[in-house]
Amino acid sequence: MPRKAWLALENGLVYEGLSVGAEGAAEGEVVFSTSMTGYVETLTDPSYWGQIVVATHPHVGNHGVQPSDRQWERVAASGFVVADSDSPDCEGEGGLSLRRFLVHDRIVAAAGLPTRGLALEIRKAGALRGVLTTEKASSRALLARARKVPAMAGRSLAHIVSVPAPRVYGRSRRRVALWDFGAKRALIDSLIEAGVSVKAFPSRASAQDLLEELPEAVVLSSGPGDPAAMRPEIETARELLRAGVPLLGVCLGHQLLGLAAGASRLKLRFGHHGSNHPVTDLEAGRVLITTQNHGFALRSGSLPSGCRETHRSLDDGTLEGFRRGRRALGLQFHPEGAPGPREARELVRRFLNG
């Protein structure tokens, strides 16, 4: 008989479904992703650390899981919620079904929940803390547990998903330093495709560490948590700005770069999560369809003198990119895609080669 699973939200709502993953309990901020495909890339994106992901697409898991789809060594999301899941035998060559993949990585997941209704609830109430569990308990006990989950604001998490020691990718005479706050494999791939080798450094690396081999540029990666809680990293980013080395900030890295330059951050009501977010490129005069995963953003209008806005969200008008002079560029979205379109990768190539 299928095992049951429950999702409890801090606002008092409790949903019952069927377990399609590992047994146990998961806690975190509950967010929804609007991606129609790429569930493996989503689940293994380190930026989702500490979050329970709700997939709004009605059916998830129909093409199984291939090892090459992974963006990190394991699933980063705390839990996964879908409306309808795959059958246990839906596996590609050399791959796993979604169910076996989730069990293998010990991730709690539930199917049979009204995920689009959940998305509307999160849009109305804002991102909510929650608990997803296969352990039967009273609604009161589940609610109490959900309300004890730490809020995402104020949490520094990048050190959990960063490389523990420097690591080199690719072979090229041209070198860049990747300041790793939870980089996806696709970001590293996009840098290598642009013609450079990549040396990844831990999130708590110093400016001296990052610059000691005279890289052509330093890339600040995406990652989880609240950028305002990363005070040592903000100060290191200020040192990099003073050093004048070319800097590219992606997602969390973009926020850290902006805070180091003097901007301020805000917590978005329900964040941007998915691979179909339209962004205006103000410099090129065109629209990009982008992949995003962030709950914080730089506050529009807070960019200091010497910085100019380069990209803006067409969904809610939030700041999506900025330049500081000619040598520092911040991009709120994920130019590497994974999941989603790759059209923004040209921004990486242009930054390194332009």
Protein backbone atom coordinates (compact mmCIF):
# COMPACT_ATOMS: atom_id res chain seq x y z
CA MET A 1 0.00 0.00 0.00
CA PRO A 2 1.44 3.44 -0.92
CA ARG A 3 2.77 5.40 2.02
CA LYS A 4 1.14 8.76 2.78
CA ALA A 5 2.90 12.09 3.03
CA TRP A 6 1.87 15.44 4.49
CA LEU A 7 2.88 19.03 3.77
CA ALA A 8 2.19 21.54 6.55
CA LEU A 9 2.62 25.30 6.03
CA GLU A 10 3.18 27.87 8.75
CA ASN A 11 -0.10 29.63 7.86
CA GLY A 12 -2.08 26.60 9.07
CA LEU A 13 -2.72 24.70 5.83
CA VAL A 14 -2.02 20.94 5.82
CA TYR A 15 -2.09 18.84 2.63
CA GLU A 16 -2.14 15.06 2.33
CA GLY A 17 -0.66 13.11 -0.58
CA LEU A 18 1.36 10.00 -1.39
CA SER A 19 5.06 9.53 -0.77
CA VAL A 20 7.13 9.22 -3.96
CA GLY A 21 10.55 9.58 -2.37
CA ALA A 22 12.43 8.65 0.78
CA GLU A 23 10.81 8.18 4.16
CA GLY A 24 11.34 10.81 6.82
CA ALA A 25 10.81 14.54 7.12
CA ALA A 26 12.10 17.65 5.37
CA GLU A 27 11.90 21.25 6.51
CA GLY A 28 12.46 24.52 4.69
CA GLU A 29 11.07 27.50 2.87
CA VAL A 30 8.35 26.33 0.46
CA VAL A 31 8.71 27.83 -3.03
CA PHE A 32 7.19 27.02 -6.40
CA SER A 33 9.02 26.48 -9.69
CA THR A 34 7.33 27.26 -13.00
CA SER A 35 9.72 25.17 -15.12
CA MET A 36 7.94 22.69 -17.39
CA THR A 37 11.05 20.50 -17.76
CA GLY A 38 14.43 20.13 -16.11
CA TYR A 39 13.30 18.82 -12.74
CA VAL A 40 16.65 17.07 -12.20
CA GLU A 41 18.60 20.28 -12.85
CA THR A 42 16.24 22.11 -10.50
CA LEU A 43 16.56 19.62 -7.66
CA THR A 44 20.36 19.47 -7.92
CA ASP A 45 20.84 23.26 -8.10
CA PRO A 46 22.64 24.20 -4.85
CA SER A 47 20.67 27.47 -4.79
CA TYR A 48 17.67 25.42 -3.59
CA TRP A 49 19.44 24.37 -0.38
CA GLY A 50 17.01 24.79 2.52
CA GLN A 51 13.90 24.91 0.31
CA ILE A 52 11.01 22.58 -0.46
CA VAL A 53 10.24 22.89 -4.18
CA VAL A 54 6.68 22.72 -5.52
CA ALA A 55 6.51 21.97 -9.26
CA THR A 56 3.59 23.78 -10.90
CA HIS A 57 3.75 21.67 -14.09
CA PRO A 58 1.02 19.00 -13.69
CA HIS A 59 3.14 15.95 -14.56
CA VAL A 60 6.75 15.48 -13.49
CA GLY A 61 9.06 12.54 -14.07
CA ASN A 62 7.99 11.20 -17.45
CA HIS A 63 11.50 11.03 -18.93
CA GLY A 64 13.41 9.65 -15.96
CA VAL A 65 16.75 10.81 -14.65
CA GLN A 66 20.12 10.73 -16.42
CA PRO A 67 23.38 11.20 -14.48
CA SER A 68 24.44 13.93 -16.94
CA ASP A 69 21.47 16.07 -15.86
CA ARG A 70 22.88 16.61 -12.37
CA GLN A 71 24.14 20.10 -11.58
CA TRP A 72 25.70 19.09 -8.27
CA GLU A 73 26.82 15.87 -6.64
CA ARG A 74 23.46 15.32 -4.94
CA VAL A 75 19.99 16.76 -4.57
CA ALA A 76 20.18 20.16 -2.90
CA ALA A 77 16.47 20.84 -2.34
CA SER A 78 15.11 19.75 1.04
CA GLY A 79 11.97 18.21 -0.45
CA PHE A 80 9.86 17.97 -3.61
CA VAL A 81 6.11 18.27 -4.20
CA VAL A 82 4.32 17.37 -7.45
CA ALA A 83 0.76 16.91 -8.64
CA ASP A 84 1.43 13.74 -10.64
CA SER A 85 4.61 11.69 -10.73
CA ASP A 86 6.26 9.10 -12.96
CA SER A 87 5.69 5.38 -12.92
CA PRO A 88 8.42 3.38 -11.13
CA ASP A 89 9.64 1.80 -14.41
CA CYS A 90 10.08 5.10 -16.32
CA GLU A 91 13.83 4.98 -16.77
CA GLY A 92 16.12 5.96 -19.61
CA GLU A 93 19.23 4.07 -20.63
CA GLY A 94 21.64 4.08 -17.69
CA GLY A 95 19.28 6.27 -15.67
CA LEU A 96 16.73 6.07 -12.89
CA SER A 97 13.06 6.82 -12.48
CA LEU A 98 12.34 9.99 -10.54
CA ARG A 99 11.10 7.90 -7.62
CA ARG A 100 14.28 5.80 -7.44
CA PHE A 101 16.39 8.93 -7.87
CA LEU A 102 14.68 10.61 -4.90
CA VAL A 103 14.98 7.51 -2.74
CA HIS A 104 18.65 7.11 -3.73
CA ASP A 105 19.40 10.69 -2.65
CA ARG A 106 17.22 10.32 0.47
CA ILE A 107 14.85 13.17 -0.49
CA VAL A 108 11.30 13.29 0.88
CA ALA A 109 8.76 13.90 -1.89
CA ALA A 110 4.98 13.86 -2.24
CA ALA A 111 2.57 13.52 -5.17
CA GLY A 112 -1.14 14.12 -5.42
CA LEU A 113 -1.13 17.63 -4.00
CA PRO A 114 -2.86 20.60 -5.69
CA THR A 115 0.39 22.24 -6.74
CA ARG A 116 -1.14 25.08 -8.72
CA GLY A 117 -3.36 25.90 -5.77
CA LEU A 118 -0.25 25.82 -3.61
CA ALA A 119 1.46 28.26 -5.96
CA LEU A 120 -1.50 30.64 -5.67
CA GLU A 121 -1.37 30.33 -1.87
CA ILE A 122 2.34 31.19 -1.84
CA ARG A 123 1.75 34.13 -4.20
CA LYS A 124 -0.92 35.42 -1.82
CA ALA A 125 0.87 34.78 1.47
CA GLY A 126 4.50 34.99 0.37
CA ALA A 127 7.13 32.29 0.73
CA LEU A 128 6.12 30.08 3.63
CA ARG A 129 8.03 27.87 6.01
CA GLY A 130 6.89 24.28 5.95
CA VAL A 131 7.50 20.65 6.78
CA LEU A 132 7.08 17.71 4.38
CA THR A 133 6.91 14.35 6.10
CA THR A 134 5.93 10.68 5.82
CA GLU A 135 5.71 10.50 9.61
CA LYS A 136 2.08 10.63 10.70
CA ALA A 137 1.30 13.32 13.26
CA SER A 138 -1.58 15.58 14.21
CA SER A 139 -2.18 18.73 12.21
CA ARG A 140 -1.42 20.74 15.33
CA ALA A 141 1.97 19.05 15.77
CA LEU A 142 2.84 19.52 12.09
CA LEU A 143 1.88 23.18 12.22
CA ALA A 144 3.99 23.74 15.33
CA ARG A 145 6.94 22.11 13.61
CA ALA A 146 6.51 24.23 10.46
CA ARG A 147 6.53 27.42 12.54
CA LYS A 148 9.88 26.45 14.09
CA VAL A 149 11.63 26.22 10.72
CA PRO A 150 14.25 29.01 10.47
CA ALA A 151 13.31 31.84 8.11
CA MET A 152 15.54 32.27 5.07
CA ALA A 153 16.22 35.94 5.86
CA GLY A 154 19.38 36.24 7.90
CA ARG A 155 20.80 32.82 6.93
CA SER A 156 24.26 32.43 5.39
CA LEU A 157 24.24 29.04 3.61
CA ALA A 158 26.76 29.20 0.77
CA HIS A 159 29.56 27.59 2.79
CA ILE A 160 27.47 24.39 3.01
CA VAL A 161 27.39 23.86 -0.76
CA SER A 162 30.69 25.43 -1.80
CA VAL A 163 33.75 23.40 -2.82
CA PRO A 164 35.77 22.55 0.34
CA ALA A 165 39.10 23.25 -1.38
CA PRO A 166 40.28 24.78 -4.67
CA ARG A 167 39.45 22.68 -7.73
CA VAL A 168 40.44 23.14 -11.39
CA TYR A 169 38.21 22.51 -14.42
CA GLY A 170 39.24 22.65 -18.07
CA ARG A 171 42.59 23.23 -19.75
CA SER A 172 43.41 26.64 -21.16
CA ARG A 173 46.15 29.20 -20.79
CA ARG A 174 43.40 31.68 -20.02
CA ARG A 175 42.33 31.37 -16.38
CA VAL A 176 39.41 32.65 -14.35
CA ALA A 177 38.77 32.27 -10.63
CA LEU A 178 35.29 31.01 -9.70
CA TRP A 179 34.24 32.14 -6.23
CA ASP A 180 31.94 29.22 -5.50
CA PHE A 181 28.83 29.88 -3.43
CA GLY A 182 27.03 26.84 -4.92
CA ALA A 183 27.83 26.92 -8.62
CA LYS A 184 25.95 24.69 -11.03
CA ARG A 185 27.95 22.44 -13.33
CA ALA A 186 26.44 24.31 -16.29
CA LEU A 187 28.03 27.60 -15.17
CA ILE A 188 31.45 25.95 -15.17
CA ASP A 189 30.69 24.41 -18.58
CA SER A 190 29.68 27.80 -20.00
CA LEU A 191 32.96 29.34 -18.83
CA ILE A 192 34.99 26.52 -20.37
CA GLU A 193 33.00 26.89 -23.62
CA ALA A 194 34.00 30.56 -23.63
CA GLY A 195 37.65 29.46 -23.80
CA VAL A 196 38.98 29.60 -20.25
CA SER A 197 40.01 27.17 -17.54
CA VAL A 198 38.27 27.54 -14.20
CA LYS A 199 39.71 27.36 -10.71
CA ALA A 200 36.93 27.16 -8.12
CA PHE A 201 37.56 28.55 -4.64
CA PRO A 202 35.57 28.01 -1.40
CA SER A 203 33.02 30.63 -0.41
CA ARG A 204 35.20 31.83 2.46
CA ALA A 205 38.27 32.43 0.28
CA SER A 206 40.06 35.75 0.69
CA ALA A 207 40.66 38.31 -2.05
CA GLN A 208 44.34 37.32 -1.94
CA ASP A 209 43.39 33.66 -2.54
CA LEU A 210 41.24 34.58 -5.53
CA LEU A 211 43.83 36.88 -7.11
CA GLU A 212 47.08 35.06 -6.33
CA GLU A 213 47.33 33.41 -9.78
CA LEU A 214 46.45 36.62 -11.66
CA PRO A 215 43.20 35.38 -13.25
CA GLU A 216 41.68 37.25 -16.19
CA ALA A 217 38.48 37.63 -14.17
CA VAL A 218 36.72 36.51 -10.99
CA VAL A 219 33.23 35.00 -11.31
CA LEU A 220 30.95 35.13 -8.26
CA SER A 221 28.55 32.20 -8.56
CA SER A 222 24.94 31.58 -7.65
CA GLY A 223 24.06 29.95 -4.34
CA PRO A 224 21.57 29.79 -1.46
CA GLY A 225 20.77 32.07 1.45
CA ASP A 226 20.54 35.74 2.31
CA PRO A 227 23.36 37.85 0.83
CA ALA A 228 23.03 40.42 3.61
CA ALA A 229 24.05 37.72 6.12
CA MET A 230 27.37 37.19 4.30
CA ARG A 231 29.29 40.13 5.76
CA PRO A 232 32.82 38.67 5.33
CA GLU A 233 32.09 37.84 1.69
CA ILE A 234 30.71 41.36 1.06
CA GLU A 235 33.93 42.85 2.41
CA THR A 236 36.00 40.52 0.23
CA ALA A 237 33.92 41.59 -2.79
CA ARG A 238 34.73 45.23 -1.91
CA GLU A 239 38.43 44.34 -1.96
CA LEU A 240 37.97 42.79 -5.41
CA LEU A 241 36.21 45.93 -6.65
CA ARG A 242 39.10 48.07 -5.36
CA ALA A 243 41.60 45.74 -7.05
CA GLY A 244 40.03 46.53 -10.43
CA VAL A 245 39.94 42.91 -11.65
CA PRO A 246 37.04 42.12 -14.05
CA LEU A 247 34.13 40.71 -12.03
CA LEU A 248 31.04 38.77 -13.11
CA GLY A 249 28.39 38.13 -10.47
CA VAL A 250 25.62 35.57 -11.09
CA CYS A 251 22.46 35.44 -8.92
CA LEU A 252 23.76 35.41 -5.31
CA GLY A 253 27.09 36.62 -6.70
CA HIS A 254 25.27 39.51 -8.40
CA GLN A 255 23.66 40.44 -5.08
CA LEU A 256 26.98 40.30 -3.20
CA LEU A 257 28.61 42.44 -5.87
CA GLY A 258 25.78 44.97 -5.61
CA LEU A 259 25.95 45.09 -1.80
CA ALA A 260 29.72 45.54 -1.98
CA ALA A 261 29.22 48.46 -4.38
CA GLY A 262 26.76 50.12 -1.98
CA ALA A 263 23.30 48.92 -3.08
CA SER A 264 20.72 47.41 -0.72
CA ARG A 265 18.80 44.14 -0.91
CA LEU A 266 15.18 43.17 -0.35
CA LYS A 267 13.38 39.88 0.30
CA LEU A 268 10.99 39.15 -2.55
CA ARG A 269 7.46 38.12 -1.63
CA PHE A 270 7.66 34.70 -3.27
CA GLY A 271 10.85 34.87 -5.32
CA HIS A 272 11.62 33.95 -8.91
CA HIS A 273 11.96 30.22 -9.55
CA GLY A 274 11.79 28.64 -12.99
CA SER A 275 13.17 28.70 -16.53
CA ASN A 276 10.67 30.95 -18.29
CA HIS A 277 11.25 34.40 -16.80
CA PRO A 278 11.36 37.29 -19.31
CA VAL A 279 14.06 39.91 -18.78
CA THR A 280 14.71 43.07 -20.78
CA ASP A 281 18.30 43.58 -21.86
CA LEU A 282 18.41 47.38 -21.73
CA GLU A 283 21.75 47.60 -23.52
CA ALA A 284 20.81 45.35 -26.46
CA GLY A 285 17.14 46.41 -26.62
CA ARG A 286 15.77 42.87 -26.60
CA VAL A 287 14.09 40.36 -24.31
CA LEU A 288 15.79 37.25 -22.89
CA ILE A 289 13.92 34.22 -21.53
CA THR A 290 15.90 33.30 -18.43
CA THR A 291 16.35 30.71 -15.71
CA GLN A 292 16.05 32.08 -12.19
CA ASN A 293 16.13 30.88 -8.61
CA HIS A 294 16.30 33.56 -5.95
CA GLY A 295 14.29 34.89 -3.04
CA PHE A 296 16.30 38.09 -2.62
CA ALA A 297 17.11 40.90 -5.05
CA LEU A 298 18.91 44.21 -5.20
CA ARG A 299 16.55 47.06 -4.48
CA SER A 300 15.69 49.10 -7.57
CA GLY A 301 16.95 52.65 -7.22
CA SER A 302 19.61 51.71 -4.66
CA LEU A 303 22.49 51.40 -7.12
CA PRO A 304 25.11 53.99 -6.20
CA SER A 305 26.80 56.50 -8.47
CA GLY A 306 29.06 54.74 -10.95
CA CYS A 307 26.64 51.83 -11.46
CA ARG A 308 23.98 51.56 -14.14
CA GLU A 309 21.10 49.13 -14.60
CA THR A 310 21.44 46.73 -17.55
CA HIS A 311 18.57 44.25 -17.11
CA ARG A 312 15.04 44.43 -15.69
CA SER A 313 12.36 41.80 -15.03
CA LEU A 314 9.29 42.05 -17.24
CA ASP A 315 7.26 40.17 -14.63
CA ASP A 316 7.60 42.51 -11.67
CA GLY A 317 10.09 45.20 -12.68
CA THR A 318 12.86 44.07 -10.32
CA LEU A 319 16.50 44.83 -11.04
CA GLU A 320 18.06 41.93 -12.99
CA GLY A 321 21.49 43.26 -13.95
CA PHE A 322 23.92 46.14 -13.52
CA ARG A 323 27.36 47.34 -14.51
CA ARG A 324 29.93 49.18 -12.43
CA GLY A 325 32.23 50.90 -14.87
CA ARG A 326 33.46 48.60 -17.63
CA ARG A 327 34.93 45.85 -15.44
CA ALA A 328 32.10 44.61 -13.19
CA LEU A 329 28.83 43.03 -14.34
CA GLY A 330 26.07 41.53 -12.21
CA LEU A 331 23.34 39.25 -13.58
CA GLN A 332 20.47 38.22 -11.31
CA PHE A 333 19.39 35.37 -13.61
CA HIS A 334 21.39 32.22 -14.48
CA PRO A 335 22.95 32.87 -17.92
CA GLU A 336 23.96 29.21 -18.18
CA GLY A 337 20.34 27.98 -18.11
CA ALA A 338 20.11 24.38 -16.82
CA PRO A 339 17.21 24.03 -16.92
CA GLY A 340 15.93 26.32 -19.61
CA PRO A 341 17.16 28.28 -22.61
CA ARG A 342 20.85 28.90 -23.23
CA GLU A 343 20.47 32.19 -25.11
CA ALA A 344 21.91 34.24 -22.24
CA ARG A 345 25.22 32.33 -22.36
CA GLU A 346 26.44 34.86 -24.88
CA LEU A 347 26.63 37.34 -22.01
CA VAL A 348 29.29 35.17 -20.40
CA ARG A 349 31.26 34.97 -23.65
CA ARG A 350 30.90 38.70 -24.21
CA PHE A 351 32.12 39.47 -20.70
CA LEU A 352 35.21 37.27 -21.06
CA ASN A 353 36.05 38.13 -24.66
CA GLY A 354 34.53 41.54 -25.29
